[in-house]
């Protein structure tokens, strides 16, 4: 798995529901079952597996294998090292990436815990969803609302405000906000950061509806 594939599977699952095309869901189910058959959560690279899709398939199909895979992913994340701010270092096992976190993870980690909490009614997972989302945002997001692509424990933010990355962050925050109770500690801060990011992004949108790949660099190409 890689970072972008989870979003593709989520999109296929939504398309299957709204367009009444069961073949899309069947395709996702087959891919996920193939991954589950090999074992999920055994190696650090599985941190990019589509946990939200696993939970969605469990909701729709009731097959406990999908829920078990999502639980295994959460347990894997529980074991991974954290930076001093509490954000999970998903590539600490790889040379050159040991001390870095990435904005993509905001759409993979918090929503995994929030979706699990939603189907298991686990308040600990609710708190983890909020805490882990905030741990990443506090490292990556500057006071003015925009968030950087990456953060290194020793050198700080990398300074690049990647448009697609903030799309990932907004999707992750939205999912956590929808699935966690308003009384969850820290949820108000997630909402405040969501609003700040949207307010910072809106004035930078181009007339054609796109953003530059580095949103505050008009000399960078649109995406």
N, C-alpha and C. Protein backbone atom coordinates (compact mmCIF):
# COMPACT_ATOMS: atom_id res chain seq x y z
N UNK A 1 0.83 -1.19 0.00
CA UNK A 1 0.00 0.00 0.00
C UNK A 1 0.87 1.25 0.00
N UNK A 2 0.31 2.33 -0.54
CA UNK A 2 0.96 3.62 -0.49
C UNK A 2 -0.07 4.65 -0.05
N UNK A 3 0.37 5.87 0.18
CA UNK A 3 -0.51 6.85 0.79
C UNK A 3 -1.79 7.09 -0.02
N UNK A 4 -1.68 7.22 -1.33
CA UNK A 4 -2.85 7.60 -2.12
C UNK A 4 -3.87 6.52 -2.35
N UNK A 5 -3.51 5.29 -2.14
CA UNK A 5 -4.42 4.19 -2.50
C UNK A 5 -5.63 4.11 -1.59
N UNK A 6 -5.47 4.47 -0.33
CA UNK A 6 -6.61 4.43 0.58
C UNK A 6 -7.71 5.37 0.11
N UNK A 7 -7.32 6.56 -0.38
CA UNK A 7 -8.30 7.51 -0.88
C UNK A 7 -9.01 6.94 -2.10
N UNK A 8 -8.29 6.27 -2.97
CA UNK A 8 -8.91 5.67 -4.15
C UNK A 8 -9.94 4.62 -3.75
N UNK A 9 -9.63 3.80 -2.77
CA UNK A 9 -10.58 2.77 -2.33
C UNK A 9 -11.79 3.40 -1.65
N UNK A 10 -11.56 4.45 -0.86
CA UNK A 10 -12.69 5.15 -0.25
C UNK A 10 -13.61 5.72 -1.32
N UNK A 11 -13.02 6.27 -2.38
CA UNK A 11 -13.82 6.85 -3.46
C UNK A 11 -14.64 5.78 -4.17
N UNK A 12 -14.04 4.62 -4.41
CA UNK A 12 -14.78 3.53 -5.05
C UNK A 12 -15.95 3.06 -4.17
N UNK A 13 -15.73 3.01 -2.87
CA UNK A 13 -16.80 2.60 -1.96
C UNK A 13 -17.94 3.61 -1.95
N UNK A 14 -17.60 4.88 -1.99
CA UNK A 14 -18.65 5.91 -2.05
C UNK A 14 -19.38 5.86 -3.39
N UNK A 15 -18.63 5.67 -4.47
CA UNK A 15 -19.25 5.58 -5.79
C UNK A 15 -20.19 4.38 -5.87
N UNK A 16 -19.78 3.28 -5.29
CA UNK A 16 -20.63 2.09 -5.30
C UNK A 16 -21.96 2.37 -4.62
N UNK A 17 -21.92 3.12 -3.52
CA UNK A 17 -23.14 3.42 -2.76
C UNK A 17 -24.03 4.40 -3.52
N UNK A 18 -23.45 5.48 -3.99
CA UNK A 18 -24.26 6.56 -4.55
C UNK A 18 -24.67 6.32 -6.00
N UNK A 19 -23.90 5.52 -6.73
CA UNK A 19 -24.23 5.22 -8.12
C UNK A 19 -24.89 3.86 -8.29
N UNK A 20 -25.07 3.17 -7.16
CA UNK A 20 -25.68 1.84 -7.19
C UNK A 20 -24.93 0.91 -8.14
N UNK A 21 -23.61 0.88 -7.95
CA UNK A 21 -22.73 0.05 -8.78
C UNK A 21 -22.00 -0.93 -7.85
N UNK A 22 -22.57 -2.07 -7.54
CA UNK A 22 -21.94 -2.98 -6.58
C UNK A 22 -20.58 -3.50 -7.02
N UNK A 23 -20.29 -3.45 -8.31
CA UNK A 23 -19.01 -3.97 -8.78
C UNK A 23 -17.84 -3.17 -8.19
N UNK A 24 -18.07 -1.87 -7.91
CA UNK A 24 -16.99 -1.07 -7.33
C UNK A 24 -16.65 -1.57 -5.93
N UNK A 25 -17.68 -1.84 -5.14
CA UNK A 25 -17.45 -2.36 -3.80
C UNK A 25 -16.82 -3.75 -3.86
N UNK A 26 -17.26 -4.56 -4.79
CA UNK A 26 -16.71 -5.91 -4.92
C UNK A 26 -15.21 -5.84 -5.23
N UNK A 27 -14.83 -4.88 -6.06
CA UNK A 27 -13.41 -4.72 -6.40
C UNK A 27 -12.60 -4.37 -5.16
N UNK A 28 -13.10 -3.41 -4.36
CA UNK A 28 -12.40 -3.02 -3.14
C UNK A 28 -12.35 -4.19 -2.16
N UNK A 29 -13.46 -4.91 -2.02
CA UNK A 29 -13.51 -6.04 -1.09
C UNK A 29 -12.48 -7.10 -1.48
N UNK A 30 -12.35 -7.36 -2.77
CA UNK A 30 -11.38 -8.36 -3.23
C UNK A 30 -9.95 -7.93 -2.93
N UNK A 31 -9.64 -6.66 -3.19
CA UNK A 31 -8.30 -6.16 -2.90
C UNK A 31 -7.99 -6.26 -1.40
N UNK A 32 -8.96 -5.86 -0.59
CA UNK A 32 -8.74 -5.87 0.86
C UNK A 32 -8.61 -7.29 1.40
N UNK A 33 -9.43 -8.20 0.89
CA UNK A 33 -9.33 -9.59 1.36
C UNK A 33 -7.99 -10.21 0.97
N UNK A 34 -7.48 -9.84 -0.21
CA UNK A 34 -6.17 -10.34 -0.62
C UNK A 34 -5.09 -9.85 0.34
N UNK A 35 -5.20 -8.59 0.75
CA UNK A 35 -4.25 -8.04 1.70
C UNK A 35 -4.39 -8.71 3.07
N UNK A 36 -5.63 -8.91 3.50
CA UNK A 36 -5.88 -9.55 4.79
C UNK A 36 -5.33 -10.97 4.80
N UNK A 37 -5.45 -11.68 3.69
CA UNK A 37 -4.96 -13.06 3.61
C UNK A 37 -3.45 -13.13 3.82
N UNK A 38 -2.75 -12.08 3.44
CA UNK A 38 -1.29 -12.05 3.62
C UNK A 38 -0.91 -11.66 5.05
N UNK A 39 -1.86 -11.10 5.78
CA UNK A 39 -1.60 -10.65 7.14
C UNK A 39 -1.46 -9.15 7.21
N UNK A 40 -2.26 -8.50 8.05
CA UNK A 40 -2.25 -7.05 8.18
C UNK A 40 -1.70 -6.68 9.55
N UNK A 41 -0.86 -5.66 9.58
CA UNK A 41 -0.35 -5.16 10.85
C UNK A 41 0.88 -5.87 11.36
N UNK A 42 1.50 -6.68 10.53
CA UNK A 42 2.69 -7.41 10.98
C UNK A 42 3.98 -6.64 10.75
N UNK A 43 3.98 -5.74 9.75
CA UNK A 43 5.18 -4.97 9.43
C UNK A 43 4.82 -3.49 9.42
N UNK A 44 5.82 -2.65 9.66
CA UNK A 44 5.58 -1.21 9.78
C UNK A 44 5.00 -0.61 8.50
N UNK A 45 5.35 -1.17 7.34
CA UNK A 45 4.85 -0.63 6.08
C UNK A 45 3.33 -0.69 6.00
N UNK A 46 2.69 -1.54 6.80
CA UNK A 46 1.23 -1.64 6.77
C UNK A 46 0.55 -0.39 7.31
N UNK A 47 1.31 0.57 7.84
CA UNK A 47 0.70 1.79 8.37
C UNK A 47 -0.07 2.54 7.29
N UNK A 48 0.21 2.27 6.02
CA UNK A 48 -0.48 2.94 4.93
C UNK A 48 -1.64 2.12 4.37
N UNK A 49 -1.95 1.00 4.99
CA UNK A 49 -3.07 0.18 4.52
C UNK A 49 -4.40 0.93 4.73
N UNK A 50 -5.43 0.58 3.96
CA UNK A 50 -6.69 1.35 3.95
C UNK A 50 -7.61 1.01 5.12
N UNK A 51 -7.27 1.47 6.30
CA UNK A 51 -8.05 1.13 7.49
C UNK A 51 -9.49 1.58 7.41
N UNK A 52 -9.74 2.77 6.88
CA UNK A 52 -11.11 3.26 6.78
C UNK A 52 -11.93 2.37 5.86
N UNK A 53 -11.33 1.89 4.78
CA UNK A 53 -12.04 0.98 3.87
C UNK A 53 -12.36 -0.33 4.57
N UNK A 54 -11.44 -0.83 5.39
CA UNK A 54 -11.72 -2.06 6.15
C UNK A 54 -12.98 -1.88 7.00
N UNK A 55 -13.07 -0.75 7.71
CA UNK A 55 -14.22 -0.53 8.60
C UNK A 55 -15.49 -0.34 7.78
N UNK A 56 -15.40 0.37 6.66
CA UNK A 56 -16.58 0.56 5.80
C UNK A 56 -17.10 -0.78 5.31
N UNK A 57 -16.19 -1.65 4.88
CA UNK A 57 -16.62 -2.98 4.40
C UNK A 57 -17.23 -3.80 5.54
N UNK A 58 -16.70 -3.65 6.74
CA UNK A 58 -17.29 -4.35 7.88
C UNK A 58 -18.71 -3.84 8.14
N UNK A 59 -18.90 -2.51 8.07
CA UNK A 59 -20.24 -1.96 8.28
C UNK A 59 -21.23 -2.52 7.26
N UNK A 60 -20.80 -2.60 6.01
CA UNK A 60 -21.71 -2.98 4.93
C UNK A 60 -21.91 -4.48 4.83
N UNK A 61 -20.88 -5.25 5.15
CA UNK A 61 -20.92 -6.69 4.91
C UNK A 61 -20.98 -7.54 6.16
N UNK A 62 -20.60 -6.95 7.29
CA UNK A 62 -20.64 -7.70 8.54
C UNK A 62 -19.60 -8.79 8.67
N UNK A 63 -18.62 -8.80 7.78
CA UNK A 63 -17.58 -9.83 7.81
C UNK A 63 -16.54 -9.45 8.86
N UNK A 64 -16.37 -10.25 9.90
CA UNK A 64 -15.46 -9.86 10.99
C UNK A 64 -14.00 -9.78 10.56
N UNK A 65 -13.65 -10.34 9.42
CA UNK A 65 -12.27 -10.25 8.95
C UNK A 65 -11.86 -8.80 8.71
N UNK A 66 -12.79 -7.99 8.22
CA UNK A 66 -12.47 -6.58 7.96
C UNK A 66 -12.25 -5.83 9.27
N UNK A 67 -13.08 -6.07 10.26
CA UNK A 67 -12.92 -5.41 11.54
C UNK A 67 -11.62 -5.85 12.21
N UNK A 68 -11.31 -7.13 12.13
CA UNK A 68 -10.06 -7.63 12.72
C UNK A 68 -8.85 -6.98 12.06
N UNK A 69 -8.91 -6.77 10.74
CA UNK A 69 -7.80 -6.12 10.04
C UNK A 69 -7.64 -4.68 10.50
N UNK A 70 -8.75 -3.96 10.66
CA UNK A 70 -8.68 -2.58 11.14
C UNK A 70 -8.13 -2.53 12.56
N UNK A 71 -8.55 -3.45 13.40
CA UNK A 71 -8.02 -3.52 14.76
C UNK A 71 -6.52 -3.80 14.75
N UNK A 72 -6.10 -4.69 13.86
CA UNK A 72 -4.67 -5.01 13.76
C UNK A 72 -3.86 -3.78 13.33
N UNK A 73 -4.43 -2.97 12.45
CA UNK A 73 -3.75 -1.74 12.04
C UNK A 73 -3.62 -0.77 13.20
N UNK A 74 -4.69 -0.65 14.00
CA UNK A 74 -4.63 0.25 15.15
C UNK A 74 -3.58 -0.23 16.15
N UNK A 75 -3.52 -1.53 16.38
CA UNK A 75 -2.51 -2.08 17.30
C UNK A 75 -1.10 -1.81 16.76
N UNK A 76 -0.93 -1.94 15.44
CA UNK A 76 0.36 -1.61 14.83
C UNK A 76 0.73 -0.16 15.12
N UNK A 77 -0.21 0.75 14.92
CA UNK A 77 0.07 2.16 15.18
C UNK A 77 0.36 2.40 16.66
N UNK A 78 -0.31 1.66 17.52
CA UNK A 78 -0.03 1.80 18.95
C UNK A 78 1.42 1.46 19.27
N UNK A 79 2.00 0.53 18.51
CA UNK A 79 3.38 0.08 18.78
C UNK A 79 4.44 0.99 18.18
N UNK A 80 4.08 1.78 17.18
CA UNK A 80 5.08 2.59 16.48
C UNK A 80 5.59 3.71 17.38
N UNK A 81 6.85 4.13 17.19
CA UNK A 81 7.41 5.21 18.02
C UNK A 81 6.73 6.55 17.74
N UNK A 82 6.85 7.45 18.69
CA UNK A 82 6.27 8.79 18.57
C UNK A 82 7.38 9.84 18.64
N UNK A 83 7.10 11.01 18.06
CA UNK A 83 8.03 12.12 18.24
C UNK A 83 7.71 12.81 19.57
N UNK A 84 8.49 13.80 19.99
CA UNK A 84 8.25 14.42 21.31
C UNK A 84 6.86 15.02 21.47
N UNK A 85 6.20 15.38 20.36
CA UNK A 85 4.86 15.96 20.42
C UNK A 85 3.77 14.88 20.41
N UNK A 86 4.16 13.61 20.28
CA UNK A 86 3.19 12.52 20.31
C UNK A 86 2.70 12.06 18.95
N UNK A 87 3.24 12.62 17.88
CA UNK A 87 2.84 12.19 16.54
C UNK A 87 3.56 10.89 16.18
N UNK A 88 2.88 10.00 15.49
CA UNK A 88 3.44 8.69 15.16
C UNK A 88 4.46 8.82 14.04
N UNK A 89 5.62 8.22 14.24
CA UNK A 89 6.69 8.19 13.23
C UNK A 89 6.51 6.92 12.40
N UNK A 90 5.79 7.04 11.29
CA UNK A 90 5.40 5.85 10.54
C UNK A 90 6.56 5.24 9.75
N UNK A 91 7.64 5.99 9.59
CA UNK A 91 8.78 5.45 8.84
C UNK A 91 10.06 5.45 9.68
N UNK A 92 9.91 5.29 10.96
CA UNK A 92 11.09 5.28 11.84
C UNK A 92 12.01 4.10 11.54
N UNK A 93 11.50 3.09 10.85
CA UNK A 93 12.31 1.92 10.52
C UNK A 93 13.13 2.12 9.26
N UNK A 94 12.98 3.26 8.56
CA UNK A 94 13.67 3.48 7.30
C UNK A 94 14.73 4.55 7.47
N UNK A 95 15.93 4.24 6.98
CA UNK A 95 17.02 5.21 7.04
C UNK A 95 16.63 6.48 6.30
N UNK A 96 16.90 7.61 6.90
CA UNK A 96 16.58 8.89 6.28
C UNK A 96 15.20 9.42 6.62
N UNK A 97 14.34 8.59 7.21
CA UNK A 97 12.97 9.02 7.52
C UNK A 97 12.66 8.84 9.02
N UNK A 98 13.65 8.56 9.80
CA UNK A 98 13.41 8.13 11.18
C UNK A 98 12.70 9.15 12.05
N UNK A 99 12.89 10.44 11.77
CA UNK A 99 12.39 11.48 12.67
C UNK A 99 11.35 12.37 12.01
N UNK A 100 10.70 11.87 10.96
CA UNK A 100 9.82 12.73 10.17
C UNK A 100 8.37 12.25 10.22
N UNK A 101 7.45 13.23 10.19
CA UNK A 101 6.03 12.94 10.03
C UNK A 101 5.55 13.68 8.80
N UNK A 102 4.39 13.26 8.28
CA UNK A 102 3.89 13.79 7.00
C UNK A 102 2.41 14.11 7.11
N UNK A 103 1.99 15.11 6.35
CA UNK A 103 0.61 15.56 6.41
C UNK A 103 -0.37 14.49 5.94
N UNK A 104 0.08 13.59 5.05
CA UNK A 104 -0.79 12.52 4.55
C UNK A 104 -1.36 11.68 5.70
N UNK A 105 -0.56 11.54 6.76
CA UNK A 105 -0.96 10.67 7.88
C UNK A 105 -2.21 11.18 8.59
N UNK A 106 -2.53 12.47 8.46
CA UNK A 106 -3.72 13.00 9.13
C UNK A 106 -4.98 12.35 8.58
N UNK A 107 -4.94 11.90 7.32
CA UNK A 107 -6.12 11.24 6.75
C UNK A 107 -6.07 9.73 6.93
N UNK A 108 -4.99 9.19 7.44
CA UNK A 108 -4.89 7.74 7.63
C UNK A 108 -5.02 7.32 9.09
N UNK A 109 -4.47 8.11 10.00
CA UNK A 109 -4.37 7.65 11.38
C UNK A 109 -5.61 8.02 12.20
N UNK A 110 -5.91 9.32 12.31
CA UNK A 110 -7.07 9.73 13.09
C UNK A 110 -8.36 9.07 12.62
N UNK A 111 -8.65 9.06 11.30
CA UNK A 111 -9.87 8.41 10.83
C UNK A 111 -9.92 6.91 11.11
N UNK A 112 -8.77 6.23 11.12
CA UNK A 112 -8.77 4.81 11.47
C UNK A 112 -9.30 4.62 12.89
N UNK A 113 -8.76 5.38 13.84
CA UNK A 113 -9.20 5.25 15.22
C UNK A 113 -10.65 5.72 15.39
N UNK A 114 -11.03 6.79 14.69
CA UNK A 114 -12.40 7.30 14.82
C UNK A 114 -13.42 6.32 14.27
N UNK A 115 -13.11 5.68 13.14
CA UNK A 115 -14.03 4.70 12.58
C UNK A 115 -14.12 3.46 13.46
N UNK A 116 -13.00 3.02 14.00
CA UNK A 116 -13.04 1.88 14.92
C UNK A 116 -13.88 2.21 16.15
N UNK A 117 -13.68 3.42 16.69
CA UNK A 117 -14.46 3.83 17.86
C UNK A 117 -15.94 3.86 17.53
N UNK A 118 -16.27 4.25 16.30
CA UNK A 118 -17.67 4.36 15.90
C UNK A 118 -18.36 3.00 15.87
N UNK A 119 -17.66 1.95 15.45
CA UNK A 119 -18.30 0.63 15.36
C UNK A 119 -18.15 -0.18 16.64
N UNK A 120 -17.19 0.18 17.49
CA UNK A 120 -16.97 -0.58 18.73
C UNK A 120 -17.40 0.19 19.97
N UNK A 121 -17.78 1.48 19.79
CA UNK A 121 -18.19 2.33 20.90
C UNK A 121 -17.11 2.38 21.98
N UNK A 122 -15.88 2.62 21.53
CA UNK A 122 -14.72 2.61 22.42
C UNK A 122 -14.27 4.05 22.68
N UNK A 123 -14.49 4.61 23.87
CA UNK A 123 -14.10 5.99 24.13
C UNK A 123 -12.59 6.21 24.10
N UNK A 124 -11.81 5.18 24.39
CA UNK A 124 -10.35 5.32 24.30
C UNK A 124 -9.92 5.57 22.87
N UNK A 125 -10.53 4.86 21.93
CA UNK A 125 -10.21 5.09 20.51
C UNK A 125 -10.66 6.47 20.07
N UNK A 126 -11.77 6.97 20.60
CA UNK A 126 -12.21 8.32 20.28
C UNK A 126 -11.16 9.34 20.70
N UNK A 127 -10.67 9.18 21.91
CA UNK A 127 -9.65 10.11 22.40
C UNK A 127 -8.36 9.98 21.60
N UNK A 128 -7.99 8.76 21.23
CA UNK A 128 -6.79 8.58 20.41
C UNK A 128 -6.95 9.25 19.05
N UNK A 129 -8.13 9.15 18.45
CA UNK A 129 -8.36 9.79 17.15
C UNK A 129 -8.09 11.28 17.23
N UNK A 130 -8.59 11.93 18.28
CA UNK A 130 -8.40 13.37 18.44
C UNK A 130 -6.95 13.68 18.81
N UNK A 131 -6.40 12.94 19.75
CA UNK A 131 -5.04 13.22 20.22
C UNK A 131 -4.01 13.07 19.10
N UNK A 132 -4.13 12.02 18.30
CA UNK A 132 -3.15 11.79 17.24
C UNK A 132 -3.31 12.80 16.11
N UNK A 133 -4.54 13.21 15.83
CA UNK A 133 -4.76 14.25 14.83
C UNK A 133 -4.12 15.55 15.29
N UNK A 134 -4.33 15.91 16.54
CA UNK A 134 -3.75 17.14 17.07
C UNK A 134 -2.23 17.08 17.14
N UNK A 135 -1.68 15.92 17.47
CA UNK A 135 -0.23 15.79 17.55
C UNK A 135 0.41 16.12 16.21
N UNK A 136 -0.21 15.66 15.13
CA UNK A 136 0.32 15.98 13.80
C UNK A 136 0.10 17.45 13.45
N UNK A 137 -1.10 17.96 13.71
CA UNK A 137 -1.40 19.34 13.34
C UNK A 137 -0.53 20.33 14.10
N UNK A 138 -0.27 20.07 15.36
CA UNK A 138 0.56 21.01 16.14
C UNK A 138 1.98 21.08 15.61
N UNK A 139 2.44 20.01 15.01
CA UNK A 139 3.77 20.04 14.39
C UNK A 139 3.74 20.71 13.01
N UNK A 140 2.71 20.41 12.24
CA UNK A 140 2.69 20.78 10.82
C UNK A 140 2.04 22.11 10.51
N UNK A 141 1.09 22.53 11.33
CA UNK A 141 0.26 23.69 10.99
C UNK A 141 0.78 24.94 11.68
N UNK A 142 1.09 25.97 10.88
CA UNK A 142 1.54 27.24 11.43
C UNK A 142 0.34 28.03 11.94
N UNK A 143 0.62 29.09 12.68
CA UNK A 143 -0.44 29.87 13.31
C UNK A 143 -1.43 30.44 12.30
N UNK A 144 -0.98 30.73 11.08
CA UNK A 144 -1.86 31.36 10.10
C UNK A 144 -2.76 30.36 9.40
N UNK A 145 -2.66 29.09 9.74
CA UNK A 145 -3.63 28.14 9.23
C UNK A 145 -3.10 27.15 8.23
N UNK A 146 -2.18 27.55 7.37
CA UNK A 146 -1.62 26.61 6.40
C UNK A 146 -0.74 25.58 7.12
N UNK A 147 -0.67 24.39 6.56
CA UNK A 147 0.15 23.33 7.14
C UNK A 147 1.24 22.92 6.16
N UNK A 148 2.38 22.53 6.70
CA UNK A 148 3.50 22.10 5.87
C UNK A 148 3.37 20.62 5.52
N UNK A 149 4.08 20.25 4.48
CA UNK A 149 4.07 18.86 4.02
C UNK A 149 4.69 17.94 5.06
N UNK A 150 5.81 18.34 5.63
CA UNK A 150 6.53 17.46 6.55
C UNK A 150 7.11 18.21 7.74
N UNK A 151 7.48 17.42 8.74
CA UNK A 151 8.08 17.96 9.96
C UNK A 151 9.13 16.98 10.44
N UNK A 152 10.30 17.50 10.78
CA UNK A 152 11.39 16.68 11.30
C UNK A 152 11.64 17.07 12.76
N UNK A 153 11.83 16.07 13.60
CA UNK A 153 12.02 16.32 15.03
C UNK A 153 13.16 17.30 15.28
N UNK A 154 14.21 17.24 14.46
CA UNK A 154 15.40 18.05 14.71
C UNK A 154 15.42 19.37 13.94
N UNK A 155 14.75 19.43 12.78
CA UNK A 155 14.80 20.65 11.97
C UNK A 155 13.46 21.35 11.83
N UNK A 156 12.40 20.78 12.35
CA UNK A 156 11.11 21.45 12.32
C UNK A 156 10.37 21.28 10.99
N UNK A 157 9.46 22.21 10.70
CA UNK A 157 8.65 22.15 9.48
C UNK A 157 9.52 22.37 8.26
N UNK A 158 9.13 21.70 7.15
CA UNK A 158 9.93 21.86 5.93
C UNK A 158 9.54 23.11 5.13
N UNK A 159 8.48 23.80 5.52
CA UNK A 159 8.15 25.09 4.92
C UNK A 159 7.34 25.05 3.65
N UNK A 160 7.01 23.87 3.14
CA UNK A 160 6.29 23.76 1.86
C UNK A 160 4.82 23.47 2.12
N UNK A 161 3.96 24.38 1.68
CA UNK A 161 2.52 24.26 1.90
C UNK A 161 1.87 23.57 0.70
N UNK A 162 1.86 22.26 0.75
CA UNK A 162 1.45 21.41 -0.37
C UNK A 162 -0.08 21.36 -0.43
N UNK A 163 -0.64 21.70 -1.59
CA UNK A 163 -2.09 21.80 -1.70
C UNK A 163 -2.79 20.47 -1.47
N UNK A 164 -2.35 19.43 -2.15
CA UNK A 164 -3.01 18.13 -2.01
C UNK A 164 -2.85 17.59 -0.59
N UNK A 165 -1.71 17.89 0.03
CA UNK A 165 -1.52 17.47 1.41
C UNK A 165 -2.54 18.09 2.34
N UNK A 166 -2.86 19.37 2.12
CA UNK A 166 -3.87 20.00 2.97
C UNK A 166 -5.26 19.45 2.66
N UNK A 167 -5.47 18.98 1.44
CA UNK A 167 -6.71 18.25 1.17
C UNK A 167 -6.80 16.99 2.01
N UNK A 168 -5.68 16.26 2.12
CA UNK A 168 -5.64 15.08 2.99
C UNK A 168 -5.95 15.47 4.43
N UNK A 169 -5.32 16.55 4.89
CA UNK A 169 -5.51 16.98 6.28
C UNK A 169 -6.97 17.36 6.54
N UNK A 170 -7.59 18.08 5.61
CA UNK A 170 -8.98 18.50 5.80
C UNK A 170 -9.92 17.29 5.82
N UNK A 171 -9.67 16.33 4.94
CA UNK A 171 -10.51 15.12 4.95
C UNK A 171 -10.37 14.38 6.27
N UNK A 172 -9.14 14.26 6.75
CA UNK A 172 -8.93 13.55 8.01
C UNK A 172 -9.58 14.26 9.18
N UNK A 173 -9.41 15.58 9.23
CA UNK A 173 -10.04 16.34 10.31
C UNK A 173 -11.56 16.22 10.25
N UNK A 174 -12.13 16.34 9.04
CA UNK A 174 -13.58 16.26 8.89
C UNK A 174 -14.11 14.93 9.40
N UNK A 175 -13.41 13.85 9.06
CA UNK A 175 -13.87 12.52 9.49
C UNK A 175 -13.81 12.38 11.01
N UNK A 176 -12.74 12.87 11.60
CA UNK A 176 -12.62 12.81 13.06
C UNK A 176 -13.71 13.65 13.72
N UNK A 177 -13.99 14.83 13.17
CA UNK A 177 -15.02 15.69 13.74
C UNK A 177 -16.40 15.06 13.65
N UNK A 178 -16.68 14.39 12.55
CA UNK A 178 -18.00 13.78 12.35
C UNK A 178 -18.19 12.60 13.30
N UNK A 179 -17.14 11.83 13.54
CA UNK A 179 -17.28 10.55 14.24
C UNK A 179 -16.99 10.61 15.73
N UNK A 180 -16.47 11.72 16.24
CA UNK A 180 -16.19 11.79 17.67
C UNK A 180 -17.18 12.72 18.36
N UNK A 181 -17.60 12.38 19.57
CA UNK A 181 -18.56 13.24 20.31
C UNK A 181 -17.97 14.63 20.57
N UNK A 182 -18.84 15.62 20.64
CA UNK A 182 -18.40 16.99 20.88
C UNK A 182 -17.72 17.13 22.25
N UNK A 183 -17.99 16.22 23.15
CA UNK A 183 -17.39 16.29 24.49
C UNK A 183 -15.98 15.68 24.55
N UNK A 184 -15.50 15.10 23.44
CA UNK A 184 -14.17 14.48 23.44
C UNK A 184 -13.11 15.55 23.69
N UNK A 185 -12.24 15.39 24.67
CA UNK A 185 -11.20 16.40 24.93
C UNK A 185 -10.35 16.66 23.69
N UNK A 186 -10.15 17.94 23.37
CA UNK A 186 -9.34 18.31 22.22
C UNK A 186 -10.10 18.48 20.93
N UNK A 187 -11.35 17.99 20.88
CA UNK A 187 -12.10 18.08 19.62
C UNK A 187 -12.31 19.53 19.19
N UNK A 188 -12.54 20.44 20.15
CA UNK A 188 -12.72 21.85 19.81
C UNK A 188 -11.49 22.41 19.11
N UNK A 189 -10.31 21.97 19.53
CA UNK A 189 -9.09 22.46 18.87
C UNK A 189 -9.00 21.93 17.44
N UNK A 190 -9.41 20.68 17.23
CA UNK A 190 -9.43 20.15 15.86
C UNK A 190 -10.34 21.02 14.99
N UNK A 191 -11.51 21.36 15.50
CA UNK A 191 -12.44 22.20 14.75
C UNK A 191 -11.84 23.57 14.46
N UNK A 192 -11.20 24.17 15.45
CA UNK A 192 -10.58 25.47 15.25
C UNK A 192 -9.49 25.41 14.18
N UNK A 193 -8.71 24.34 14.19
CA UNK A 193 -7.65 24.20 13.20
C UNK A 193 -8.23 23.93 11.81
N UNK A 194 -9.33 23.19 11.74
CA UNK A 194 -10.01 22.95 10.47
C UNK A 194 -10.48 24.28 9.87
N UNK A 195 -11.12 25.10 10.68
CA UNK A 195 -11.62 26.40 10.21
C UNK A 195 -10.46 27.29 9.78
N UNK A 196 -9.39 27.32 10.58
CA UNK A 196 -8.24 28.17 10.25
C UNK A 196 -7.60 27.76 8.92
N UNK A 197 -7.52 26.44 8.68
CA UNK A 197 -6.93 25.98 7.43
C UNK A 197 -7.79 26.37 6.23
N UNK A 198 -9.10 26.18 6.35
CA UNK A 198 -9.98 26.55 5.23
C UNK A 198 -9.93 28.06 4.99
N UNK A 199 -9.91 28.84 6.05
CA UNK A 199 -9.85 30.30 5.88
C UNK A 199 -8.54 30.75 5.24
N UNK A 200 -7.48 30.02 5.53
CA UNK A 200 -6.19 30.36 4.91
C UNK A 200 -6.13 29.92 3.45
N UNK A 201 -6.83 28.84 3.12
CA UNK A 201 -6.76 28.30 1.76
C UNK A 201 -7.68 29.04 0.78
N UNK A 202 -8.84 29.46 1.24
CA UNK A 202 -9.82 30.03 0.32
C UNK A 202 -9.30 31.23 -0.48
N UNK A 203 -8.60 32.20 0.15
CA UNK A 203 -8.11 33.33 -0.65
C UNK A 203 -7.05 32.94 -1.67
N UNK A 204 -6.47 31.75 -1.54
CA UNK A 204 -5.40 31.32 -2.44
C UNK A 204 -5.92 30.48 -3.61
N UNK A 205 -7.23 30.24 -3.65
CA UNK A 205 -7.80 29.45 -4.74
C UNK A 205 -7.76 30.26 -6.03
N UNK A 206 -7.38 29.63 -7.12
CA UNK A 206 -7.31 30.27 -8.42
C UNK A 206 -8.71 30.48 -9.00
N UNK A 207 -8.79 31.33 -10.02
CA UNK A 207 -10.09 31.60 -10.66
C UNK A 207 -10.68 30.35 -11.30
N UNK A 208 -9.82 29.39 -11.69
CA UNK A 208 -10.32 28.16 -12.32
C UNK A 208 -10.70 27.10 -11.28
N UNK A 209 -10.61 27.44 -10.00
CA UNK A 209 -11.01 26.51 -8.95
C UNK A 209 -9.89 25.68 -8.38
N UNK A 210 -8.72 25.71 -9.00
CA UNK A 210 -7.58 24.92 -8.54
C UNK A 210 -6.72 25.73 -7.56
N UNK A 211 -5.75 25.05 -6.98
CA UNK A 211 -4.72 25.70 -6.19
C UNK A 211 -3.37 25.39 -6.82
N UNK A 212 -2.38 26.24 -6.56
CA UNK A 212 -1.01 25.89 -6.94
C UNK A 212 -0.53 24.75 -6.05
N UNK A 213 0.36 23.92 -6.59
CA UNK A 213 0.82 22.76 -5.81
C UNK A 213 1.45 23.21 -4.50
N UNK A 214 2.18 24.32 -4.49
CA UNK A 214 2.57 25.00 -3.26
C UNK A 214 1.67 26.23 -3.19
N UNK A 215 0.68 26.18 -2.31
CA UNK A 215 -0.47 27.08 -2.44
C UNK A 215 -0.10 28.56 -2.39
N UNK A 216 0.96 28.92 -1.67
CA UNK A 216 1.35 30.32 -1.57
C UNK A 216 2.52 30.66 -2.47
N UNK A 217 2.74 29.81 -3.48
CA UNK A 217 3.76 30.07 -4.49
C UNK A 217 3.10 30.09 -5.86
N UNK A 218 2.64 31.25 -6.34
CA UNK A 218 1.95 31.32 -7.64
C UNK A 218 2.82 30.92 -8.82
N UNK A 219 4.13 30.82 -8.62
CA UNK A 219 5.01 30.37 -9.69
C UNK A 219 5.05 28.85 -9.78
N UNK A 220 4.41 28.15 -8.83
CA UNK A 220 4.34 26.68 -8.92
C UNK A 220 3.11 26.28 -9.72
N UNK A 221 3.12 25.07 -10.29
CA UNK A 221 2.05 24.69 -11.20
C UNK A 221 0.77 24.35 -10.45
N UNK A 222 -0.40 24.51 -11.11
CA UNK A 222 -1.66 24.17 -10.45
C UNK A 222 -1.90 22.66 -10.44
N UNK A 223 -2.63 22.20 -9.41
CA UNK A 223 -3.05 20.81 -9.38
C UNK A 223 -4.46 20.72 -8.81
